[in-house]
Amino acid sequence: MAARETAWRVTARELESSLEEEKGAGERSPTYLVSPFGARMSRVLLAGTLSPGEPIGRDPATAFWRARFSDATGAVAVTAGSFQPRAMAQVRSATASRPAVVVGRTHLYRGRDGVASVSVRAEGVRSLAEGEERGLLADIVRQTLDRLDLVERLEKEPHVAEAALRADGVPSAWIRAGREALRRYPNADRGAFRRELRSAIRHVAGEFGPVRSPSPTPGSVTRTVARPAGPAAPPPTAEERGEESVFLGLVDEVSERSADGYADLKEVILRSAERGLASARAEAALSRLEEEGVLEEPIVGKLRRAE
């Protein structure tokens, strides 16, 4: 059994700045969200303020809720569904914004217009006392600054040996993430990000009151992505096109009989397996169909043909 991915301690600002994915190659391999500041995240831990949630979608049989998480640096959307009933209950039960810790999986949705939206699929949500929230945020800021120091060292010393870094106490995962951050974001303004972290440091010191959600209506944080030109991916093989056809047919079948017109991703993946299409290959087919603009996931876990 594969070890569970570590939850990276990050701020909302870092998370919403992370617009590059690294997809796993093997069966059940996780997808990572790479940040410009030295994180390579499948799971994250956030500490800040969570707004009251609201239901999204129209099918009561597949409950899904969304809330807005904010800290002293920014805000991201947090979602929870029936596949994580405890997290969903926490999001659903709140009637007012409150300090909270959120642990969950990162999700990046990229629309056909080049707009990317980052959210967190909650695995666990817990309310905190204000002092607890500031203590967790202090740890997040400390780790973030340590990662920034590492990225800047790697930029200045690109050939430094990993063994030397590990001897200095740097985790291997941080080294890999730092090198990937430099490769994918060569023009990132890490100095500006350090300055933005000052608001979190002041909050930790108690100079600000509790962080409040900037909007009573939860929503996704979006950014327009300008991608540098790179080598073209090889065209799908005939076998891959066949798998796309199977997957697309299942999306149509599931969406046609759903109450809200969307196909539930989990159901499509399960039915793909029944047709002999393993989950990793089904997800690869989904990625290609999304990239080609055939399918979209406007709600986390819900698919439809692109309009």
C-alpha atoms as a PDB file:
ATOM      1  CA  MET A   1       0.000   0.000   0.000  1.00  0.00           C
ATOM      2  CA  ALA A   2       1.369   3.415  -0.975  1.00  0.00           C
ATOM      3  CA  ALA A   3       2.165   5.833   1.837  1.00  0.00           C
ATOM      4  CA  ARG A   4      -0.269   8.675   2.293  1.00  0.00           C
ATOM      5  CA  GLU A   5       0.936  11.960   0.838  1.00  0.00           C
ATOM      6  CA  THR A   6       2.141  14.557   3.343  1.00  0.00           C
ATOM      7  CA  ALA A   7      -0.114  17.596   3.725  1.00  0.00           C
ATOM      8  CA  TRP A   8       2.024  20.616   2.816  1.00  0.00           C
ATOM      9  CA  ARG A   9       1.630  23.646   5.098  1.00  0.00           C
ATOM     10  CA  VAL A  10       0.795  26.508   2.745  1.00  0.00           C
ATOM     11  CA  THR A  11      -0.937  29.875   2.736  1.00  0.00           C
ATOM     12  CA  ALA A  12      -3.945  30.657   0.583  1.00  0.00           C
ATOM     13  CA  ARG A  13      -1.788  33.052  -1.462  1.00  0.00           C
ATOM     14  CA  GLU A  14       0.680  30.314  -2.349  1.00  0.00           C
ATOM     15  CA  LEU A  15      -2.078  27.905  -3.219  1.00  0.00           C
ATOM     16  CA  GLU A  16      -3.915  30.308  -5.523  1.00  0.00           C
ATOM     17  CA  SER A  17      -0.574  31.094  -7.248  1.00  0.00           C
ATOM     18  CA  SER A  18       0.014  27.409  -8.062  1.00  0.00           C
ATOM     19  CA  LEU A  19      -1.036  26.908 -11.661  1.00  0.00           C
ATOM     20  CA  GLU A  20       1.182  24.035 -12.830  1.00  0.00           C
ATOM     21  CA  GLU A  21       0.332  20.341 -12.442  1.00  0.00           C
ATOM     22  CA  GLU A  22       2.527  17.259 -12.417  1.00  0.00           C
ATOM     23  CA  LYS A  23       0.523  14.159 -13.242  1.00  0.00           C
ATOM     24  CA  GLY A  24       1.531  10.748 -11.939  1.00  0.00           C
ATOM     25  CA  ALA A  25       2.322   7.998 -14.430  1.00  0.00           C
ATOM     26  CA  GLY A  26       1.340   4.818 -12.585  1.00  0.00           C
ATOM     27  CA  GLU A  27      -1.901   3.256 -11.413  1.00  0.00           C
ATOM     28  CA  ARG A  28      -3.495   5.441  -8.720  1.00  0.00           C
ATOM     29  CA  SER A  29      -0.569   7.849  -8.871  1.00  0.00           C
ATOM     30  CA  PRO A  30      -1.470  11.238  -7.383  1.00  0.00           C
ATOM     31  CA  THR A  31      -1.481  14.501  -9.285  1.00  0.00           C
ATOM     32  CA  TYR A  32       0.670  17.242  -7.803  1.00  0.00           C
ATOM     33  CA  LEU A  33       0.126  20.977  -7.874  1.00  0.00           C
ATOM     34  CA  VAL A  34       3.497  22.729  -8.144  1.00  0.00           C
ATOM     35  CA  SER A  35       3.819  26.188  -6.602  1.00  0.00           C
ATOM     36  CA  PRO A  36       6.281  28.941  -7.552  1.00  0.00           C
ATOM     37  CA  PHE A  37       7.567  28.929  -3.959  1.00  0.00           C
ATOM     38  CA  GLY A  38       8.812  25.394  -3.467  1.00  0.00           C
ATOM     39  CA  ALA A  39       5.790  23.194  -2.757  1.00  0.00           C
ATOM     40  CA  ARG A  40       4.711  20.105  -4.704  1.00  0.00           C
ATOM     41  CA  MET A  41       1.289  19.375  -3.305  1.00  0.00           C
ATOM     42  CA  SER A  42      -1.213  16.578  -3.531  1.00  0.00           C
ATOM     43  CA  ARG A  43      -2.570  17.329  -0.058  1.00  0.00           C
ATOM     44  CA  VAL A  44      -2.428  20.598   1.892  1.00  0.00           C
ATOM     45  CA  LEU A  45      -3.106  21.958   5.372  1.00  0.00           C
ATOM     46  CA  LEU A  46      -4.518  25.481   5.707  1.00  0.00           C
ATOM     47  CA  ALA A  47      -5.268  27.524   8.832  1.00  0.00           C
ATOM     48  CA  GLY A  48      -7.493  30.588   8.706  1.00  0.00           C
ATOM     49  CA  THR A  49     -11.185  31.445   8.503  1.00  0.00           C
ATOM     50  CA  LEU A  50     -13.860  29.298   6.873  1.00  0.00           C
ATOM     51  CA  SER A  51     -17.135  30.871   5.800  1.00  0.00           C
ATOM     52  CA  PRO A  52     -20.538  29.156   6.062  1.00  0.00           C
ATOM     53  CA  GLY A  53     -20.971  26.654   3.239  1.00  0.00           C
ATOM     54  CA  GLU A  54     -23.594  26.546   0.530  1.00  0.00           C
ATOM     55  CA  PRO A  55     -24.911  23.550  -1.429  1.00  0.00           C
ATOM     56  CA  ILE A  56     -23.962  23.354  -5.090  1.00  0.00           C
ATOM     57  CA  GLY A  57     -25.602  21.212  -7.731  1.00  0.00           C
ATOM     58  CA  ARG A  58     -29.247  20.252  -7.887  1.00  0.00           C
ATOM     59  CA  ASP A  59     -29.118  16.533  -7.204  1.00  0.00           C
ATOM     60  CA  PRO A  60     -29.964  15.826  -3.518  1.00  0.00           C
ATOM     61  CA  ALA A  61     -28.672  12.269  -3.886  1.00  0.00           C
ATOM     62  CA  THR A  62     -25.117  13.548  -4.424  1.00  0.00           C
ATOM     63  CA  ALA A  63     -24.731  16.268  -1.817  1.00  0.00           C
ATOM     64  CA  PHE A  64     -21.901  18.696  -2.436  1.00  0.00           C
ATOM     65  CA  TRP A  65     -20.983  21.827  -0.482  1.00  0.00           C
ATOM     66  CA  ARG A  66     -18.624  24.739  -1.028  1.00  0.00           C
ATOM     67  CA  ALA A  67     -17.203  27.320   1.381  1.00  0.00           C
ATOM     68  CA  ARG A  68     -14.657  30.104   1.147  1.00  0.00           C
ATOM     69  CA  PHE A  69     -11.415  29.778   3.089  1.00  0.00           C
ATOM     70  CA  SER A  70      -9.324  32.881   3.768  1.00  0.00           C
ATOM     71  CA  ASP A  71      -6.197  33.722   5.704  1.00  0.00           C
ATOM     72  CA  ALA A  72      -4.154  36.911   5.987  1.00  0.00           C
ATOM     73  CA  THR A  73      -2.727  36.378   2.479  1.00  0.00           C
ATOM     74  CA  GLY A  74      -5.697  35.446   0.270  1.00  0.00           C
ATOM     75  CA  ALA A  75      -8.619  33.098  -0.275  1.00  0.00           C
ATOM     76  CA  VAL A  76      -9.489  29.815  -1.992  1.00  0.00           C
ATOM     77  CA  ALA A  77     -12.596  27.683  -2.376  1.00  0.00           C
ATOM     78  CA  VAL A  78     -13.043  24.570  -0.223  1.00  0.00           C
ATOM     79  CA  THR A  79     -15.424  21.825  -1.334  1.00  0.00           C
ATOM     80  CA  ALA A  80     -16.763  18.741   0.447  1.00  0.00           C
ATOM     81  CA  GLY A  81     -19.018  15.936  -0.715  1.00  0.00           C
ATOM     82  CA  SER A  82     -20.646  12.770   0.537  1.00  0.00           C
ATOM     83  CA  PHE A  83     -17.420  10.797  -0.094  1.00  0.00           C
ATOM     84  CA  GLN A  84     -15.957  12.713   2.912  1.00  0.00           C
ATOM     85  CA  PRO A  85     -19.022  12.824   5.199  1.00  0.00           C
ATOM     86  CA  ARG A  86     -17.290  14.282   8.286  1.00  0.00           C
ATOM     87  CA  ALA A  87     -15.738  17.146   6.343  1.00  0.00           C
ATOM     88  CA  MET A  88     -19.033  17.794   4.583  1.00  0.00           C
ATOM     89  CA  ALA A  89     -20.878  17.853   7.909  1.00  0.00           C
ATOM     90  CA  GLN A  90     -18.449  20.471   9.239  1.00  0.00           C
ATOM     91  CA  VAL A  91     -18.865  22.670   6.169  1.00  0.00           C
ATOM     92  CA  ARG A  92     -22.640  22.247   6.151  1.00  0.00           C
ATOM     93  CA  SER A  93     -23.231  22.846   9.864  1.00  0.00           C
ATOM     94  CA  ALA A  94     -21.527  26.246  10.198  1.00  0.00           C
ATOM     95  CA  THR A  95     -23.777  29.302  10.409  1.00  0.00           C
ATOM     96  CA  ALA A  96     -21.013  31.910  10.729  1.00  0.00           C
ATOM     97  CA  SER A  97     -17.388  32.351   9.677  1.00  0.00           C
ATOM     98  CA  ARG A  98     -14.997  30.796  12.195  1.00  0.00           C
ATOM     99  CA  PRO A  99     -11.286  29.985  12.596  1.00  0.00           C
ATOM    100  CA  ALA A 100     -10.602  26.515  11.210  1.00  0.00           C
ATOM    101  CA  VAL A 101      -7.975  24.124   9.948  1.00  0.00           C
ATOM    102  CA  VAL A 102      -8.647  22.431   6.604  1.00  0.00           C
ATOM    103  CA  VAL A 103      -6.826  19.379   5.282  1.00  0.00           C
ATOM    104  CA  GLY A 104      -7.584  18.214   1.779  1.00  0.00           C
ATOM    105  CA  ARG A 105      -6.510  17.491  -1.769  1.00  0.00           C
ATOM    106  CA  THR A 106      -5.624  20.178  -4.259  1.00  0.00           C
ATOM    107  CA  HIS A 107      -7.691  20.568  -7.408  1.00  0.00           C
ATOM    108  CA  LEU A 108      -6.938  22.719 -10.448  1.00  0.00           C
ATOM    109  CA  TYR A 109      -9.665  23.336 -13.010  1.00  0.00           C
ATOM    110  CA  ARG A 110      -8.621  24.944 -16.266  1.00  0.00           C
ATOM    111  CA  GLY A 111     -11.346  26.277 -18.542  1.00  0.00           C
ATOM    112  CA  ARG A 112     -11.236  26.530 -22.313  1.00  0.00           C
ATOM    113  CA  ASP A 113     -10.598  30.276 -22.041  1.00  0.00           C
ATOM    114  CA  GLY A 114      -7.315  29.735 -20.166  1.00  0.00           C
ATOM    115  CA  VAL A 115      -8.728  30.682 -16.776  1.00  0.00           C
ATOM    116  CA  ALA A 116      -7.490  28.412 -13.962  1.00  0.00           C
ATOM    117  CA  SER A 117      -9.322  27.900 -10.681  1.00  0.00           C
ATOM    118  CA  VAL A 118      -7.676  26.362  -7.609  1.00  0.00           C
ATOM    119  CA  SER A 119      -9.706  24.716  -4.856  1.00  0.00           C
ATOM    120  CA  VAL A 120      -9.280  22.203  -2.030  1.00  0.00           C
ATOM    121  CA  ARG A 121     -11.352  19.028  -1.745  1.00  0.00           C
ATOM    122  CA  ALA A 122     -11.678  18.780   2.029  1.00  0.00           C
ATOM    123  CA  GLU A 123     -10.787  15.544   3.803  1.00  0.00           C
ATOM    124  CA  GLY A 124     -10.992  17.054   7.283  1.00  0.00           C
ATOM    125  CA  VAL A 125     -12.255  20.324   8.766  1.00  0.00           C
ATOM    126  CA  ARG A 126     -11.963  21.360  12.427  1.00  0.00           C
ATOM    127  CA  SER A 127     -12.935  24.573  14.170  1.00  0.00           C
ATOM    128  CA  LEU A 128     -10.157  26.256  16.167  1.00  0.00           C
ATOM    129  CA  ALA A 129      -9.763  28.720  18.970  1.00  0.00           C
ATOM    130  CA  GLU A 130      -8.194  31.960  17.770  1.00  0.00           C
ATOM    131  CA  GLY A 131      -4.908  31.156  19.532  1.00  0.00           C
ATOM    132  CA  GLU A 132      -4.763  27.726  17.883  1.00  0.00           C
ATOM    133  CA  GLU A 133      -5.332  29.265  14.471  1.00  0.00           C
ATOM    134  CA  ARG A 134      -2.487  31.746  14.966  1.00  0.00           C
ATOM    135  CA  GLY A 135      -0.198  28.948  16.187  1.00  0.00           C
ATOM    136  CA  LEU A 136      -0.865  26.825  13.093  1.00  0.00           C
ATOM    137  CA  LEU A 137      -0.436  29.836  10.819  1.00  0.00           C
ATOM    138  CA  ALA A 138       2.921  30.549  12.499  1.00  0.00           C
ATOM    139  CA  ASP A 139       4.092  27.033  11.585  1.00  0.00           C
ATOM    140  CA  ILE A 140       2.818  27.488   8.017  1.00  0.00           C
ATOM    141  CA  VAL A 141       4.684  30.784   7.642  1.00  0.00           C
ATOM    142  CA  ARG A 142       7.896  29.312   9.102  1.00  0.00           C
ATOM    143  CA  GLN A 143       7.850  26.381   6.689  1.00  0.00           C
ATOM    144  CA  THR A 144       6.987  28.678   3.779  1.00  0.00           C
ATOM    145  CA  LEU A 145       9.943  30.963   4.520  1.00  0.00           C
ATOM    146  CA  ASP A 146      12.262  27.949   4.879  1.00  0.00           C
ATOM    147  CA  ARG A 147      11.137  26.703   1.455  1.00  0.00           C
ATOM    148  CA  LEU A 148      11.678  30.133  -0.064  1.00  0.00           C
ATOM    149  CA  ASP A 149      15.222  30.147   1.341  1.00  0.00           C
ATOM    150  CA  LEU A 150      15.808  26.747  -0.252  1.00  0.00           C
ATOM    151  CA  VAL A 151      14.501  27.816  -3.678  1.00  0.00           C
ATOM    152  CA  GLU A 152      16.739  30.889  -3.626  1.00  0.00           C
ATOM    153  CA  ARG A 153      19.734  28.751  -2.671  1.00  0.00           C
ATOM    154  CA  LEU A 154      18.968  26.333  -5.511  1.00  0.00           C
ATOM    155  CA  GLU A 155      18.779  29.257  -7.911  1.00  0.00           C
ATOM    156  CA  LYS A 156      22.184  30.543  -6.797  1.00  0.00           C
ATOM    157  CA  GLU A 157      23.751  27.067  -6.567  1.00  0.00           C
ATOM    158  CA  PRO A 158      22.017  25.013  -9.280  1.00  0.00           C
ATOM    159  CA  HIS A 159      24.558  22.182  -9.061  1.00  0.00           C
ATOM    160  CA  VAL A 160      24.526  21.764  -5.278  1.00  0.00           C
ATOM    161  CA  ALA A 161      24.385  18.065  -4.390  1.00  0.00           C
ATOM    162  CA  GLU A 162      21.205  16.710  -2.856  1.00  0.00           C
ATOM    163  CA  ALA A 163      23.294  14.892  -0.241  1.00  0.00           C
ATOM    164  CA  ALA A 164      24.723  18.221   0.922  1.00  0.00           C
ATOM    165  CA  LEU A 165      21.242  19.688   1.267  1.00  0.00           C
ATOM    166  CA  ARG A 166      19.979  16.646   3.152  1.00  0.00           C
ATOM    167  CA  ALA A 167      22.971  16.939   5.482  1.00  0.00           C
ATOM    168  CA  ASP A 168      21.707  20.438   6.279  1.00  0.00           C
ATOM    169  CA  GLY A 169      18.363  18.938   7.288  1.00  0.00           C
ATOM    170  CA  VAL A 170      16.445  19.715   4.088  1.00  0.00           C
ATOM    171  CA  PRO A 171      13.791  17.049   3.295  1.00  0.00           C
ATOM    172  CA  SER A 172      14.167  15.304  -0.067  1.00  0.00           C
ATOM    173  CA  ALA A 173      10.596  16.265  -0.985  1.00  0.00           C
ATOM    174  CA  TRP A 174      11.469  19.940  -0.528  1.00  0.00           C
ATOM    175  CA  ILE A 175      14.549  19.622  -2.756  1.00  0.00           C
ATOM    176  CA  ARG A 176      12.543  18.056  -5.563  1.00  0.00           C
ATOM    177  CA  ALA A 177       9.791  20.661  -5.168  1.00  0.00           C
ATOM    178  CA  GLY A 178      12.286  23.525  -5.155  1.00  0.00           C
ATOM    179  CA  ARG A 179      13.973  22.397  -8.358  1.00  0.00           C
ATOM    180  CA  GLU A 180      10.590  21.895 -10.023  1.00  0.00           C
ATOM    181  CA  ALA A 181       9.457  25.370  -8.941  1.00  0.00           C
ATOM    182  CA  LEU A 182      12.504  26.937 -10.589  1.00  0.00           C
ATOM    183  CA  ARG A 183      11.949  24.942 -13.780  1.00  0.00           C
ATOM    184  CA  ARG A 184       8.252  25.735 -14.104  1.00  0.00           C
ATOM    185  CA  TYR A 185       8.243  29.318 -12.823  1.00  0.00           C
ATOM    186  CA  PRO A 186      11.547  30.861 -13.961  1.00  0.00           C
ATOM    187  CA  ASN A 187      10.199  34.414 -13.595  1.00  0.00           C
ATOM    188  CA  ALA A 188       8.353  34.090 -10.266  1.00  0.00           C
ATOM    189  CA  ASP A 189       8.629  37.163  -8.041  1.00  0.00           C
ATOM    190  CA  ARG A 190       9.551  35.528  -4.754  1.00  0.00           C
ATOM    191  CA  GLY A 191      10.501  38.872  -3.223  1.00  0.00           C
ATOM    192  CA  ALA A 192       6.947  40.133  -3.663  1.00  0.00           C
ATOM    193  CA  PHE A 193       5.632  36.953  -2.076  1.00  0.00           C
ATOM    194  CA  ARG A 194       7.913  37.465   0.936  1.00  0.00           C
ATOM    195  CA  ARG A 195       6.471  40.946   1.354  1.00  0.00           C
ATOM    196  CA  GLU A 196       2.928  39.581   1.135  1.00  0.00           C
ATOM    197  CA  LEU A 197       3.724  37.153   3.951  1.00  0.00           C
ATOM    198  CA  ARG A 198       4.206  40.112   6.313  1.00  0.00           C
ATOM    199  CA  SER A 199       0.438  40.355   6.741  1.00  0.00           C
ATOM    200  CA  ALA A 200       0.375  36.743   7.967  1.00  0.00           C
ATOM    201  CA  ILE A 201       3.280  37.449  10.337  1.00  0.00           C
ATOM    202  CA  ARG A 202       1.442  40.453  11.768  1.00  0.00           C
ATOM    203  CA  HIS A 203      -1.673  38.324  12.221  1.00  0.00           C
ATOM    204  CA  VAL A 204       0.360  35.673  14.055  1.00  0.00           C
ATOM    205  CA  ALA A 205       1.689  38.427  16.332  1.00  0.00           C
ATOM    206  CA  GLY A 206      -1.885  39.435  17.164  1.00  0.00           C
ATOM    207  CA  GLU A 207      -1.732  42.800  15.434  1.00  0.00           C
ATOM    208  CA  PHE A 208      -4.872  41.998  13.456  1.00  0.00           C
ATOM    209  CA  GLY A 209      -8.187  40.604  14.624  1.00  0.00           C
ATOM    210  CA  PRO A 210      -9.511  37.272  13.333  1.00  0.00           C
ATOM    211  CA  VAL A 211      -9.262  36.953   9.561  1.00  0.00           C
ATOM    212  CA  ARG A 212     -12.673  37.400   8.034  1.00  0.00           C
ATOM    213  CA  SER A 213     -13.965  35.959   4.812  1.00  0.00           C
ATOM    214  CA  PRO A 214     -13.890  38.720   2.202  1.00  0.00           C
ATOM    215  CA  SER A 215     -17.172  37.604   0.678  1.00  0.00           C
ATOM    216  CA  PRO A 216     -20.295  35.984   2.156  1.00  0.00           C
ATOM    217  CA  THR A 217     -20.790  34.085  -1.084  1.00  0.00           C
ATOM    218  CA  PRO A 218     -18.289  31.248  -1.563  1.00  0.00           C
ATOM    219  CA  GLY A 219     -16.632  31.026  -4.910  1.00  0.00           C
ATOM    220  CA  SER A 220     -13.516  29.905  -6.704  1.00  0.00           C
ATOM    221  CA  VAL A 221     -10.376  31.967  -6.985  1.00  0.00           C
ATOM    222  CA  THR A 222      -9.533  32.306 -10.669  1.00  0.00           C
ATOM    223  CA  ARG A 223      -6.542  33.439 -12.649  1.00  0.00           C
ATOM    224  CA  THR A 224      -5.784  33.708 -16.336  1.00  0.00           C
ATOM    225  CA  VAL A 225      -2.807  31.583 -17.285  1.00  0.00           C
ATOM    226  CA  ALA A 226      -0.290  32.647 -19.895  1.00  0.00           C
ATOM    227  CA  ARG A 227       1.666  29.497 -20.726  1.00  0.00           C
ATOM    228  CA  PRO A 228       5.100  29.592 -22.342  1.00  0.00           C
ATOM    229  CA  ALA A 229       5.385  27.697 -25.579  1.00  0.00           C
ATOM    230  CA  GLY A 230       6.786  24.204 -25.196  1.00  0.00           C
ATOM    231  CA  PRO A 231       7.203  21.017 -27.177  1.00  0.00           C
ATOM    232  CA  ALA A 232       3.938  19.643 -28.514  1.00  0.00           C
ATOM    233  CA  ALA A 233       2.618  16.493 -26.886  1.00  0.00           C
ATOM    234  CA  PRO A 234       2.455  13.440 -29.157  1.00  0.00           C
ATOM    235  CA  PRO A 235      -1.020  12.834 -30.608  1.00  0.00           C
ATOM    236  CA  PRO A 236      -3.153  10.170 -28.900  1.00  0.00           C
ATOM    237  CA  THR A 237      -2.797   6.649 -30.233  1.00  0.00           C
ATOM    238  CA  ALA A 238      -5.689   4.730 -31.753  1.00  0.00           C
ATOM    239  CA  GLU A 239      -6.021   2.808 -28.475  1.00  0.00           C
ATOM    240  CA  GLU A 240      -6.191   6.041 -26.489  1.00  0.00           C
ATOM    241  CA  ARG A 241      -8.811   7.444 -28.857  1.00  0.00           C
ATOM    242  CA  GLY A 242     -10.851   4.288 -28.262  1.00  0.00           C
ATOM    243  CA  GLU A 243     -10.573   4.787 -24.496  1.00  0.00           C
ATOM    244  CA  GLU A 244     -11.701   8.401 -24.904  1.00  0.00           C
ATOM    245  CA  SER A 245     -14.728   7.204 -26.844  1.00  0.00           C
ATOM    246  CA  VAL A 246     -15.649   4.734 -24.080  1.00  0.00           C
ATOM    247  CA  PHE A 247     -15.211   7.394 -21.398  1.00  0.00           C
ATOM    248  CA  LEU A 248     -17.185  10.009 -23.307  1.00  0.00           C
ATOM    249  CA  GLY A 249     -20.017   7.558 -23.922  1.00  0.00           C
ATOM    250  CA  LEU A 250     -20.231   6.820 -20.195  1.00  0.00           C
ATOM    251  CA  VAL A 251     -20.311  10.547 -19.393  1.00  0.00           C
ATOM    252  CA  ASP A 252     -23.253  10.902 -21.765  1.00  0.00           C
ATOM    253  CA  GLU A 253     -25.057   7.906 -20.245  1.00  0.00           C
ATOM    254  CA  VAL A 254     -24.616   9.077 -16.650  1.00  0.00           C
ATOM    255  CA  SER A 255     -25.467  12.719 -17.353  1.00  0.00           C
ATOM    256  CA  GLU A 256     -28.624  11.839 -19.296  1.00  0.00           C
ATOM    257  CA  ARG A 257     -30.188  10.119 -16.288  1.00  0.00           C
ATOM    258  CA  SER A 258     -28.922  12.523 -13.623  1.00  0.00           C
ATOM    259  CA  ALA A 259     -31.206  15.119 -12.076  1.00  0.00           C
ATOM    260  CA  ASP A 260     -28.840  18.027 -12.679  1.00  0.00           C
ATOM    261  CA  GLY A 261     -27.491  17.113 -16.110  1.00  0.00           C
ATOM    262  CA  TYR A 262     -23.978  16.424 -14.831  1.00  0.00           C
ATOM    263  CA  ALA A 263     -22.110  13.108 -14.794  1.00  0.00           C
ATOM    264  CA  ASP A 264     -20.693  12.167 -11.398  1.00  0.00           C
ATOM    265  CA  LEU A 265     -16.952  11.577 -11.849  1.00  0.00           C
ATOM    266  CA  LYS A 266     -16.770   8.738  -9.321  1.00  0.00           C
ATOM    267  CA  GLU A 267     -19.592   6.881 -11.062  1.00  0.00           C
ATOM    268  CA  VAL A 268     -18.000   7.318 -14.480  1.00  0.00           C
ATOM    269  CA  ILE A 269     -14.651   6.017 -13.176  1.00  0.00           C
ATOM    270  CA  LEU A 270     -16.353   2.988 -11.589  1.00  0.00           C
ATOM    271  CA  ARG A 271     -18.287   2.212 -14.747  1.00  0.00           C
ATOM    272  CA  SER A 272     -15.128   2.627 -16.810  1.00  0.00           C
ATOM    273  CA  ALA A 273     -13.503  -0.113 -14.738  1.00  0.00           C
ATOM    274  CA  GLU A 274     -16.473  -2.374 -15.506  1.00  0.00           C
ATOM    275  CA  ARG A 275     -15.740  -1.804 -19.196  1.00  0.00           C
ATOM    276  CA  GLY A 276     -12.105  -2.827 -18.700  1.00  0.00           C
ATOM    277  CA  LEU A 277     -10.720   0.716 -18.500  1.00  0.00           C
ATOM    278  CA  ALA A 278      -8.558   0.996 -15.342  1.00  0.00           C
ATOM    279  CA  SER A 279      -8.935   4.157 -13.268  1.00  0.00           C
ATOM    280  CA  ALA A 280      -5.518   5.580 -14.229  1.00  0.00           C
ATOM    281  CA  ARG A 281      -6.295   5.212 -17.939  1.00  0.00           C
ATOM    282  CA  ALA A 282      -9.799   6.597 -17.451  1.00  0.00           C
ATOM    283  CA  GLU A 283      -8.362   9.668 -15.729  1.00  0.00           C
ATOM    284  CA  ALA A 284      -5.801  10.042 -18.526  1.00  0.00           C
ATOM    285  CA  ALA A 285      -8.627   9.950 -21.076  1.00  0.00           C
ATOM    286  CA  LEU A 286     -10.491  12.569 -19.044  1.00  0.00           C
ATOM    287  CA  SER A 287      -7.413  14.826 -18.996  1.00  0.00           C
ATOM    288  CA  ARG A 288      -7.056  14.623 -22.770  1.00  0.00           C
ATOM    289  CA  LEU A 289     -10.748  15.325 -23.316  1.00  0.00           C
ATOM    290  CA  GLU A 290     -10.557  18.343 -20.990  1.00  0.00           C
ATOM    291  CA  GLU A 291      -7.437  19.664 -22.705  1.00  0.00           C
ATOM    292  CA  GLU A 292      -9.116  19.308 -26.102  1.00  0.00           C
ATOM    293  CA  GLY A 293     -12.185  21.171 -24.845  1.00  0.00           C
ATOM    294  CA  VAL A 294     -14.564  18.215 -25.224  1.00  0.00           C
ATOM    295  CA  LEU A 295     -15.336  17.810 -21.506  1.00  0.00           C
ATOM    296  CA  GLU A 296     -15.283  20.205 -18.572  1.00  0.00           C
ATOM    297  CA  GLU A 297     -15.597  19.947 -14.785  1.00  0.00           C
ATOM    298  CA  PRO A 298     -17.375  23.200 -13.805  1.00  0.00           C
ATOM    299  CA  ILE A 299     -18.188  21.726 -10.376  1.00  0.00           C
ATOM    300  CA  VAL A 300     -15.601  19.595  -8.630  1.00  0.00           C
ATOM    301  CA  GLY A 301     -16.499  15.943  -9.248  1.00  0.00           C
ATOM    302  CA  LYS A 302     -19.143  16.777 -11.910  1.00  0.00           C
ATOM    303  CA  LEU A 303     -18.547  16.393 -15.647  1.00  0.00           C
ATOM    304  CA  ARG A 304     -20.358  17.589 -18.728  1.00  0.00           C
ATOM    305  CA  ARG A 305     -19.671  18.157 -22.404  1.00  0.00           C
ATOM    306  CA  ALA A 306     -18.136  21.576 -22.966  1.00  0.00           C
ATOM    307  CA  GLU A 307     -20.515  24.141 -24.377  1.00  0.00           C
END
